[in-house]
Amino acid sequence: MEALSNYDYNSLMRKNRLAGTATELSPEIASTLGALFGSYLGGEEAVVVSARDFRKDTRMISRSFNAGLISVGTTVFELHACSLPVLQFALRRFSAHAGVHFAAAHRSPEKINIRIFDQTGVELPFTEIFEKEKLQKRKIIRSAPDKIADILSVQQANDLYRSAIRSAMPYDVLKERNFSIVVDCSLGPVAEIFPNIMAELGSKIFTLNSYRPDGIPESLPSPISLTILSRTVVAAKADLGIAFDPSGSRVIFMDEHGKIIDSHVIATILLKNKMIGREKGHVVLAETMWVLEKWLNEKNISHTFTRGSPGEMSRLIQFKRALFGANEHGSYIHPTFSNESEPFVSTLLLLWSFAQNEKHKYISSFAEENDVVDENMYLEEYYRLNADPTLFFKKIYETDTDGRVVNTLDGVKIVSGARKWAHIYASIISTTLIVKVCAENKEDREKLLIEILDLVRRIDNEVSKN
């Protein structure tokens, strides 16, 4: 029996998730964290599904964490390198008590995000399990040698997931269109599942960053990788461009011109799909999506806005019995498929909605029709960067500001108060930023634009000097 009163893992908390470099976590710490989590679940009574991205450091930490789990008698179903939607599917398929996923942190590629999910697939925040005060009340009880659990290798998780998607989605309609798509897999296990899903639909697929990386690669998607994706979409005359994050849980969409489609437009298209055959419904959205409120009211869609800390949106969707959830991070939740973000299903539903329309030949005009927000709510200005854009966004994401900073994959969004935010993101040219502010009245918009431009200049100068 092992007392835990000396353990304090608060230094490993990042955005209320467990995160750190392979050195900060270390095999020893990861093993103890796994044992703590297994004890939290009940030890020998529990089953956990585990998956990771392609990197060697995540493989090491995941193996150590899993060793801690089996040391307290918790059985592990090891999916190996799999994207997060596949883990979510396996969690339900194997009736596991929890799931754990290890993947590179976006903006901080040297760090590993450890995301933990309960048996319903809802993410558990760091404080639920590893807060020091809670650990002081818990003890690790190691299993006797003959009670040590198994790590069971699951080799066909991607195939099982693809079969499930095939039976649940309207494949026939999509097959008729023969879409041309460019996919940036961001050096993650998306490469082993999503291109195959689209190829089965008869789509013409071009992949970028679809190999297994050595060492610690750059953080993707990055301003430069998005520029390359944009140009590839245009050069290939593709219908759509898609960029995933390393875990495969978040997504960016581009139209045929290589222009990023705003997350609130994607949310509107997907929500219209959900409302087919319904007179009313409920949706849970990130607080910055208040710009959709007027349209939601017109469509008789009740709504809840949330800050979206780990698991918060999913829990609200369950509590409110909502039919959809979305945020500015590139997460879209379809509770009939999964309780966390499902970018693969989102892509198929987006393409299905586009295929069903008879007015639009191109994604760009289809997206424009679904942009229901009044343009007068925004102010926008371009800014030419001197600093390396990847380092700039890493710095601004980690900088303390008066507002809450949100990673949007293509940039950062700063929430400056109720119904006020600024989005800083790269244009088609990676060194040219777009600063877009949103507020209900003109004075707030003008003031916020000045403040954010001052912040951008300051960070740009700091990064350029280093």
Protein backbone atom coordinates (compact mmCIF):
# COMPACT_ATOMS: atom_id res chain seq x y z
CA MET A 1 0.00 0.00 0.00
CA GLU A 2 1.32 3.37 -1.02
CA ALA A 3 0.41 6.72 0.57
CA LEU A 4 -0.08 9.59 -1.86
CA SER A 5 0.03 12.68 0.32
CA ASN A 6 3.30 13.85 -1.27
CA TYR A 7 2.07 13.74 -4.87
CA ASP A 8 1.31 17.08 -6.53
CA TYR A 9 0.76 17.10 -10.30
CA ASN A 10 -0.58 20.64 -10.69
CA SER A 11 2.54 21.56 -12.67
CA LEU A 12 1.33 19.10 -15.33
CA MET A 13 -2.03 20.82 -15.72
CA ARG A 14 -2.53 22.65 -19.04
CA LYS A 15 -5.97 24.09 -19.86
CA ASN A 16 -7.36 21.69 -17.20
CA ARG A 17 -5.81 18.72 -19.02
CA LEU A 18 -2.87 16.53 -18.07
CA ALA A 19 0.08 17.57 -20.27
CA GLY A 20 3.84 17.72 -20.28
CA THR A 21 6.97 16.80 -22.17
CA ALA A 22 8.22 13.22 -22.09
CA THR A 23 10.83 14.42 -19.58
CA GLU A 24 8.29 16.19 -17.36
CA LEU A 25 5.92 13.25 -17.40
CA SER A 26 8.68 10.57 -17.44
CA PRO A 27 7.95 6.83 -17.47
CA GLU A 28 8.00 6.76 -13.65
CA ILE A 29 5.44 9.56 -13.28
CA ALA A 30 3.29 8.24 -16.14
CA SER A 31 3.16 4.84 -14.50
CA THR A 32 2.05 6.36 -11.21
CA LEU A 33 -0.57 8.47 -13.00
CA GLY A 34 -1.88 5.31 -14.65
CA ALA A 35 -2.08 3.54 -11.30
CA LEU A 36 -3.90 6.53 -9.82
CA PHE A 37 -6.39 6.51 -12.66
CA GLY A 38 -6.91 2.75 -12.37
CA SER A 39 -7.52 3.18 -8.64
CA TYR A 40 -10.01 5.97 -9.42
CA LEU A 41 -11.90 3.54 -11.67
CA GLY A 42 -11.94 0.75 -9.11
CA GLY A 43 -8.79 -1.18 -9.92
CA GLU A 44 -9.51 -4.80 -10.82
CA GLU A 45 -13.10 -4.08 -11.81
CA ALA A 46 -12.23 -1.70 -14.66
CA VAL A 47 -11.44 -1.84 -18.39
CA VAL A 48 -9.72 1.04 -20.26
CA VAL A 49 -9.17 1.56 -24.00
CA SER A 50 -5.92 3.33 -24.85
CA ALA A 51 -4.63 4.96 -28.05
CA ARG A 52 -1.93 7.40 -29.13
CA ASP A 53 -0.51 9.30 -32.08
CA PHE A 54 2.54 8.24 -34.15
CA ARG A 55 5.31 9.84 -32.09
CA LYS A 56 7.88 7.85 -30.12
CA ASP A 57 7.52 10.00 -26.99
CA THR A 58 3.76 9.42 -26.83
CA ARG A 59 4.33 5.69 -27.34
CA MET A 60 6.74 5.62 -24.39
CA ILE A 61 4.44 7.58 -22.09
CA SER A 62 1.35 5.60 -23.12
CA ARG A 63 3.10 2.30 -22.41
CA SER A 64 4.20 3.54 -18.98
CA PHE A 65 0.70 4.82 -18.19
CA ASN A 66 -0.80 1.49 -19.28
CA ALA A 67 1.71 -0.36 -17.10
CA GLY A 68 0.40 1.63 -14.15
CA LEU A 69 -3.16 0.66 -15.05
CA ILE A 70 -2.49 -3.08 -15.16
CA SER A 71 -0.45 -2.87 -11.94
CA VAL A 72 -3.69 -2.16 -10.07
CA GLY A 73 -5.60 -4.82 -12.01
CA THR A 74 -7.21 -2.60 -14.65
CA THR A 75 -7.43 -4.30 -18.05
CA VAL A 76 -6.20 -2.29 -21.05
CA PHE A 77 -7.42 -2.62 -24.64
CA GLU A 78 -4.48 -1.18 -26.60
CA LEU A 79 -5.51 0.35 -29.95
CA HIS A 80 -1.94 1.50 -30.72
CA ALA A 81 -1.79 4.51 -33.12
CA CYS A 82 -5.41 5.63 -33.60
CA SER A 83 -7.19 8.95 -33.91
CA LEU A 84 -9.48 10.13 -31.15
CA PRO A 85 -12.79 9.37 -32.96
CA VAL A 86 -11.68 5.73 -33.28
CA LEU A 87 -10.91 5.64 -29.54
CA GLN A 88 -14.39 7.02 -28.84
CA PHE A 89 -15.92 4.31 -31.01
CA ALA A 90 -13.87 1.57 -29.32
CA LEU A 91 -14.88 2.88 -25.90
CA ARG A 92 -18.50 2.12 -26.76
CA ARG A 93 -17.79 -1.03 -28.77
CA PHE A 94 -15.91 -2.75 -25.92
CA SER A 95 -18.16 -1.35 -23.14
CA ALA A 96 -15.05 0.00 -21.41
CA HIS A 97 -15.16 2.06 -18.23
CA ALA A 98 -12.89 4.77 -19.61
CA GLY A 99 -10.62 5.77 -22.48
CA VAL A 100 -7.26 7.55 -22.59
CA HIS A 101 -5.59 9.21 -25.58
CA PHE A 102 -2.01 10.48 -25.91
CA ALA A 103 -1.16 13.02 -28.63
CA ALA A 104 1.04 16.03 -29.36
CA ALA A 105 -0.31 19.31 -28.03
CA HIS A 106 -1.05 21.86 -30.73
CA ARG A 107 1.02 25.10 -30.41
CA SER A 108 3.38 23.24 -28.01
CA PRO A 109 4.57 20.19 -29.98
CA GLU A 110 7.10 19.22 -27.31
CA LYS A 111 4.21 18.52 -24.90
CA ILE A 112 1.96 15.46 -24.79
CA ASN A 113 -1.74 15.94 -24.07
CA ILE A 114 -3.26 13.08 -22.07
CA ARG A 115 -7.01 13.19 -22.52
CA ILE A 116 -9.18 10.94 -20.36
CA PHE A 117 -12.81 10.02 -21.03
CA ASP A 118 -15.48 8.41 -18.88
CA GLN A 119 -17.55 5.42 -19.99
CA THR A 120 -19.98 7.65 -21.92
CA GLY A 121 -17.11 9.24 -23.87
CA VAL A 122 -17.20 12.59 -22.05
CA GLU A 123 -13.78 14.06 -21.25
CA LEU A 124 -12.79 14.20 -17.59
CA PRO A 125 -10.93 17.36 -16.57
CA PHE A 126 -7.61 17.20 -14.73
CA THR A 127 -9.19 18.36 -11.46
CA GLU A 128 -11.65 15.47 -11.46
CA ILE A 129 -8.87 12.90 -11.04
CA PHE A 130 -5.46 14.39 -10.27
CA GLU A 131 -6.13 17.41 -8.07
CA LYS A 132 -3.81 17.21 -5.06
CA GLU A 133 -6.61 17.39 -2.47
CA LYS A 134 -8.33 14.39 -4.05
CA LEU A 135 -5.14 12.37 -4.33
CA GLN A 136 -4.48 12.81 -0.61
CA LYS A 137 -7.64 10.77 0.03
CA ARG A 138 -6.74 8.00 -2.41
CA LYS A 139 -4.30 5.13 -2.17
CA ILE A 140 -2.71 2.96 -4.82
CA ILE A 141 -3.30 -0.71 -4.04
CA ARG A 142 -1.11 -2.82 -6.31
CA SER A 143 -2.53 -6.14 -7.45
CA ALA A 144 -0.98 -9.41 -6.38
CA PRO A 145 1.24 -10.91 -9.10
CA ASP A 146 -1.47 -13.35 -10.18
CA LYS A 147 -4.03 -10.51 -10.40
CA ILE A 148 -2.02 -8.18 -12.63
CA ALA A 149 -4.26 -7.39 -15.61
CA ASP A 150 -3.68 -7.86 -19.34
CA ILE A 151 -2.87 -5.42 -22.12
CA LEU A 152 -4.93 -6.74 -25.02
CA SER A 153 -3.80 -5.63 -28.48
CA VAL A 154 -6.62 -4.50 -30.80
CA GLN A 155 -5.26 -4.41 -34.35
CA GLN A 156 -8.47 -3.84 -36.30
CA ALA A 157 -9.89 -0.76 -34.58
CA ASN A 158 -9.73 1.40 -37.72
CA ASP A 159 -11.48 -1.27 -39.79
CA LEU A 160 -14.24 -1.67 -37.21
CA TYR A 161 -14.75 2.08 -37.13
CA ARG A 162 -14.91 2.32 -40.94
CA SER A 163 -17.53 -0.42 -41.05
CA ALA A 164 -19.62 1.41 -38.44
CA ILE A 165 -19.40 4.70 -40.37
CA ARG A 166 -20.36 2.92 -43.59
CA SER A 167 -23.54 1.55 -42.02
CA ALA A 168 -24.52 4.86 -40.41
CA MET A 169 -23.87 7.42 -43.15
CA PRO A 170 -25.64 8.11 -46.49
CA TYR A 171 -22.83 6.77 -48.69
CA ASP A 172 -24.86 6.43 -51.91
CA VAL A 173 -25.50 10.17 -52.25
CA LEU A 174 -21.82 10.95 -51.70
CA LYS A 175 -20.63 8.32 -54.16
CA GLU A 176 -22.59 10.01 -56.95
CA ARG A 177 -20.60 13.24 -56.63
CA ASN A 178 -17.02 11.92 -56.86
CA PHE A 179 -15.58 14.74 -54.76
CA SER A 180 -11.97 15.85 -55.08
CA ILE A 181 -10.46 16.51 -51.64
CA VAL A 182 -7.06 17.53 -50.25
CA VAL A 183 -6.42 16.26 -46.71
CA ASP A 184 -3.65 17.42 -44.38
CA CYS A 185 -3.24 14.62 -41.82
CA SER A 186 -0.87 16.71 -39.63
CA LEU A 187 1.49 13.75 -39.13
CA GLY A 188 -1.18 11.96 -37.11
CA PRO A 189 -3.03 8.62 -37.29
CA VAL A 190 -5.79 10.30 -39.29
CA ALA A 191 -3.64 9.14 -42.23
CA GLU A 192 -4.60 5.53 -41.59
CA ILE A 193 -8.36 6.04 -41.46
CA PHE A 194 -9.83 9.14 -43.11
CA PRO A 195 -8.33 8.91 -46.63
CA ASN A 196 -9.60 5.31 -46.77
CA ILE A 197 -13.10 6.40 -45.72
CA MET A 198 -13.20 8.98 -48.52
CA ALA A 199 -11.66 6.63 -51.09
CA GLU A 200 -14.47 4.14 -50.43
CA LEU A 201 -16.85 6.91 -51.52
CA GLY A 202 -15.09 7.21 -54.85
CA SER A 203 -13.53 10.54 -53.89
CA LYS A 204 -10.23 11.60 -55.39
CA ILE A 205 -7.89 12.11 -52.42
CA PHE A 206 -4.64 14.08 -52.16
CA THR A 207 -2.86 13.74 -48.82
CA LEU A 208 -0.32 15.99 -47.11
CA ASN A 209 1.76 15.20 -44.01
CA SER A 210 0.52 11.62 -43.95
CA TYR A 211 3.75 9.89 -42.89
CA ARG A 212 5.03 8.78 -39.47
CA PRO A 213 7.35 11.52 -38.17
CA ASP A 214 10.76 11.12 -36.57
CA GLY A 215 11.62 13.04 -33.42
CA ILE A 216 9.46 15.99 -32.41
CA PRO A 217 8.05 17.58 -35.57
CA GLU A 218 6.61 21.08 -35.84
CA SER A 219 3.12 21.81 -34.59
CA LEU A 220 0.53 21.18 -37.29
CA PRO A 221 -1.58 22.65 -38.66
CA SER A 222 0.66 25.73 -38.81
CA PRO A 223 0.35 28.96 -40.81
CA ILE A 224 2.81 27.54 -43.34
CA SER A 225 1.11 24.13 -43.63
CA LEU A 226 -2.26 25.85 -44.07
CA THR A 227 -0.77 28.01 -46.84
CA ILE A 228 0.52 24.85 -48.57
CA LEU A 229 -2.89 23.20 -48.16
CA SER A 230 -4.60 26.27 -49.60
CA ARG A 231 -2.35 26.34 -52.66
CA THR A 232 -2.68 22.60 -53.17
CA VAL A 233 -6.48 22.84 -53.14
CA VAL A 234 -6.34 25.48 -55.88
CA ALA A 235 -3.68 23.67 -57.91
CA ALA A 236 -5.56 20.36 -57.74
CA LYS A 237 -8.88 22.06 -58.55
CA ALA A 238 -10.28 20.28 -55.51
CA ASP A 239 -13.77 20.74 -54.10
CA LEU A 240 -12.62 20.89 -50.49
CA GLY A 241 -9.53 21.16 -48.31
CA ILE A 242 -9.35 19.62 -44.83
CA ALA A 243 -6.76 19.99 -42.06
CA PHE A 244 -6.90 17.93 -38.87
CA ASP A 245 -5.05 18.39 -35.61
CA PRO A 246 -2.54 15.65 -34.55
CA SER A 247 -5.16 13.72 -32.54
CA GLY A 248 -7.78 13.85 -35.29
CA SER A 249 -10.32 15.48 -32.96
CA ARG A 250 -10.50 18.94 -34.57
CA VAL A 251 -10.78 20.08 -38.15
CA ILE A 252 -10.49 23.07 -40.49
CA PHE A 253 -12.33 23.21 -43.81
CA MET A 254 -11.33 25.18 -46.93
CA ASP A 255 -13.42 25.95 -50.02
CA GLU A 256 -12.21 25.43 -53.60
CA HIS A 257 -10.40 28.78 -53.48
CA GLY A 258 -8.30 27.62 -50.52
CA LYS A 259 -10.14 29.99 -48.17
CA ILE A 260 -10.90 28.75 -44.64
CA ILE A 261 -14.61 28.41 -43.96
CA ASP A 262 -15.49 30.00 -40.61
CA SER A 263 -16.46 27.57 -37.86
CA HIS A 264 -19.83 29.27 -37.33
CA VAL A 265 -20.68 28.64 -41.00
CA ILE A 266 -19.81 24.95 -40.67
CA ALA A 267 -21.90 24.81 -37.48
CA THR A 268 -24.84 26.39 -39.30
CA ILE A 269 -24.67 23.86 -42.16
CA LEU A 270 -24.42 20.90 -39.79
CA LEU A 271 -27.20 22.23 -37.58
CA LYS A 272 -29.53 22.64 -40.57
CA ASN A 273 -28.83 19.00 -41.33
CA LYS A 274 -29.78 18.04 -37.77
CA MET A 275 -33.04 20.00 -38.02
CA ILE A 276 -34.33 18.08 -41.05
CA GLY A 277 -37.73 16.69 -40.01
CA ARG A 278 -37.71 18.65 -36.73
CA GLU A 279 -39.73 21.73 -35.77
CA LYS A 280 -37.52 22.57 -32.81
CA GLY A 281 -34.31 21.49 -31.09
CA HIS A 282 -31.58 22.48 -28.68
CA VAL A 283 -27.92 23.18 -29.42
CA VAL A 284 -24.86 23.82 -27.22
CA LEU A 285 -22.32 26.26 -28.65
CA ALA A 286 -19.13 28.00 -27.55
CA GLU A 287 -19.73 31.43 -26.04
CA THR A 288 -18.14 33.20 -29.03
CA MET A 289 -20.85 31.76 -31.29
CA TRP A 290 -23.40 34.16 -29.82
CA VAL A 291 -23.32 35.75 -33.30
CA LEU A 292 -25.72 32.96 -34.36
CA GLU A 293 -28.30 33.83 -31.72
CA LYS A 294 -30.65 35.81 -33.97
CA TRP A 295 -30.71 33.04 -36.58
CA LEU A 296 -31.22 30.37 -33.91
CA ASN A 297 -34.24 32.23 -32.54
CA GLU A 298 -35.71 32.60 -36.03
CA LYS A 299 -35.36 28.84 -36.58
CA ASN A 300 -36.92 27.97 -33.20
CA ILE A 301 -33.68 26.42 -31.98
CA SER A 302 -33.11 26.87 -28.26
CA HIS A 303 -29.48 27.20 -27.26
CA THR A 304 -26.93 27.19 -24.47
CA PHE A 305 -23.59 29.01 -24.70
CA THR A 306 -20.60 27.70 -22.76
CA ARG A 307 -16.90 28.40 -22.26
CA GLY A 308 -16.17 24.84 -23.29
CA SER A 309 -13.57 23.62 -20.77
CA PRO A 310 -12.74 19.88 -21.13
CA GLY A 311 -15.93 17.84 -21.08
CA GLU A 312 -18.17 20.82 -20.28
CA MET A 313 -19.88 21.02 -23.67
CA SER A 314 -20.42 17.26 -23.81
CA ARG A 315 -21.97 17.18 -20.35
CA LEU A 316 -24.29 20.04 -21.26
CA ILE A 317 -25.32 18.26 -24.46
CA GLN A 318 -26.25 15.21 -22.38
CA PHE A 319 -28.06 17.26 -19.71
CA LYS A 320 -29.96 19.40 -22.22
CA ARG A 321 -30.55 16.47 -24.58
CA ALA A 322 -29.14 18.68 -27.31
CA LEU A 323 -28.89 17.50 -30.90
CA PHE A 324 -25.57 19.17 -31.70
CA GLY A 325 -22.60 21.02 -30.23
CA ALA A 326 -19.84 23.15 -31.76
CA ASN A 327 -17.03 25.52 -30.83
CA GLU A 328 -14.45 27.76 -32.50
CA HIS A 329 -11.70 25.16 -31.90
CA GLY A 330 -12.89 23.09 -34.85
CA SER A 331 -14.85 20.62 -32.69
CA TYR A 332 -18.29 19.47 -33.83
CA ILE A 333 -20.22 17.05 -31.61
CA HIS A 334 -22.94 14.72 -32.92
CA PRO A 335 -24.35 12.96 -29.85
CA THR A 336 -25.99 10.21 -31.92
CA PHE A 337 -22.46 9.18 -32.98
CA SER A 338 -20.19 10.29 -30.14
CA ASN A 339 -20.17 12.47 -27.05
CA GLU A 340 -16.98 14.23 -28.15
CA SER A 341 -15.89 15.91 -31.37
CA GLU A 342 -16.42 13.81 -34.53
CA PRO A 343 -14.63 15.50 -37.47
CA PHE A 344 -14.97 12.48 -39.78
CA VAL A 345 -18.77 12.41 -39.42
CA SER A 346 -18.82 16.21 -39.69
CA THR A 347 -17.01 16.04 -43.03
CA LEU A 348 -19.39 13.45 -44.43
CA LEU A 349 -22.45 15.43 -43.28
CA LEU A 350 -21.00 18.64 -44.73
CA LEU A 351 -20.45 16.96 -48.10
CA TRP A 352 -23.89 15.30 -47.95
CA SER A 353 -25.56 18.68 -47.32
CA PHE A 354 -23.65 20.18 -50.22
CA ALA A 355 -24.50 17.23 -52.49
CA GLN A 356 -28.20 17.57 -51.66
CA ASN A 357 -28.41 21.24 -52.68
CA GLU A 358 -29.34 22.08 -56.26
CA LYS A 359 -28.37 25.76 -56.30
CA HIS A 360 -24.61 25.67 -55.79
CA LYS A 361 -21.88 24.14 -57.89
CA TYR A 362 -19.09 25.19 -55.53
CA ILE A 363 -18.50 24.91 -51.79
CA SER A 364 -17.68 28.65 -51.59
CA SER A 365 -21.14 29.82 -52.71
CA PHE A 366 -22.79 27.14 -50.55
CA ALA A 367 -20.82 28.40 -47.53
CA GLU A 368 -21.66 32.01 -48.36
CA GLU A 369 -25.38 31.21 -48.39
CA ASN A 370 -25.03 29.66 -44.94
CA ASP A 371 -23.16 32.62 -43.44
CA VAL A 372 -26.14 33.98 -41.52
CA VAL A 373 -24.22 36.53 -39.41
CA ASP A 374 -24.58 40.27 -40.08
CA GLU A 375 -21.23 41.51 -41.46
CA ASN A 376 -21.70 44.80 -39.57
CA MET A 377 -20.86 42.87 -36.37
CA TYR A 378 -17.21 42.71 -37.49
CA LEU A 379 -14.21 44.93 -38.04
CA GLU A 380 -11.18 43.53 -39.84
CA GLU A 381 -7.62 44.60 -40.57
CA TYR A 382 -4.52 42.98 -42.09
CA TYR A 383 -1.15 42.94 -40.36
CA ARG A 384 2.22 42.03 -41.91
CA LEU A 385 4.31 39.87 -39.54
CA ASN A 386 8.06 40.29 -39.09
CA ALA A 387 8.34 37.25 -36.82
CA ASP A 388 8.10 33.60 -37.78
CA PRO A 389 4.31 32.97 -37.82
CA THR A 390 4.50 29.63 -35.98
CA LEU A 391 6.56 31.15 -33.15
CA PHE A 392 4.28 34.20 -33.08
CA PHE A 393 1.14 32.12 -32.52
CA LYS A 394 2.85 29.97 -29.89
CA LYS A 395 3.89 33.11 -28.02
CA ILE A 396 0.53 34.85 -28.19
CA TYR A 397 -1.25 31.66 -27.13
CA GLU A 398 0.93 31.47 -24.00
CA THR A 399 0.79 35.22 -23.20
CA ASP A 400 -1.34 36.46 -20.31
CA THR A 401 -3.92 38.89 -21.64
CA ASP A 402 -6.97 40.64 -20.22
CA GLY A 403 -9.11 38.11 -22.08
CA ARG A 404 -9.32 34.33 -22.37
CA VAL A 405 -7.16 32.91 -25.18
CA VAL A 406 -8.57 30.09 -27.31
CA ASN A 407 -6.65 28.01 -29.85
CA THR A 408 -8.63 27.94 -33.12
CA LEU A 409 -6.08 25.79 -35.05
CA ASP A 410 -5.70 28.51 -37.70
CA GLY A 411 -4.94 31.17 -35.08
CA VAL A 412 -6.06 32.34 -31.66
CA LYS A 413 -9.28 33.90 -30.45
CA ILE A 414 -9.21 36.30 -27.50
CA VAL A 415 -12.48 36.57 -25.58
CA SER A 416 -12.48 40.07 -24.09
CA GLY A 417 -15.75 39.96 -22.21
CA ALA A 418 -19.42 39.24 -22.74
CA ARG A 419 -20.13 39.26 -26.49
CA LYS A 420 -16.73 40.64 -27.43
CA TRP A 421 -13.91 38.73 -29.08
CA ALA A 422 -11.00 39.08 -31.48
CA HIS A 423 -9.73 36.42 -33.87
CA ILE A 424 -6.09 36.59 -34.99
CA TYR A 425 -5.32 34.18 -37.80
CA ALA A 426 -3.11 33.71 -40.84
CA SER A 427 -4.35 34.58 -44.31
CA ILE A 428 -3.53 32.56 -47.43
CA ILE A 429 -0.09 34.18 -47.14
CA SER A 430 1.32 32.78 -43.88
CA THR A 431 3.14 35.99 -42.87
CA THR A 432 0.04 38.15 -43.32
CA LEU A 433 -2.34 38.09 -40.38
CA ILE A 434 -6.01 38.96 -40.32
CA VAL A 435 -7.23 40.62 -37.12
CA LYS A 436 -10.99 40.32 -36.89
CA VAL A 437 -12.99 41.72 -33.97
CA CYS A 438 -16.62 41.21 -33.08
CA ALA A 439 -18.85 43.14 -30.69
CA GLU A 440 -22.46 44.31 -30.59
CA ASN A 441 -21.77 48.02 -30.83
CA LYS A 442 -19.45 50.05 -33.03
CA GLU A 443 -17.54 51.75 -30.19
CA ASP A 444 -16.60 48.40 -28.62
CA ARG A 445 -15.46 47.06 -31.99
CA GLU A 446 -13.25 50.07 -32.70
CA LYS A 447 -11.73 50.07 -29.21
CA LEU A 448 -11.09 46.31 -29.28
CA LEU A 449 -9.43 46.48 -32.71
CA ILE A 450 -6.95 49.09 -31.46
CA GLU A 451 -6.16 47.03 -28.34
CA ILE A 452 -5.63 43.79 -30.25
CA LEU A 453 -3.47 45.42 -32.93
CA ASP A 454 -1.29 46.88 -30.15
CA LEU A 455 -0.98 43.39 -28.64
CA VAL A 456 -0.08 41.88 -32.02
CA ARG A 457 2.64 44.50 -32.62
CA ARG A 458 4.10 43.93 -29.14
CA ILE A 459 4.24 40.14 -29.52
CA ASP A 460 5.60 40.47 -33.06
CA ASN A 461 8.44 42.70 -31.82
CA GLU A 462 9.25 40.37 -28.90
CA VAL A 463 9.41 37.28 -31.09
CA SER A 464 11.39 39.06 -33.84
CA LYS A 465 14.12 40.09 -31.38
CA ASN A 466 14.66 36.54 -30.09
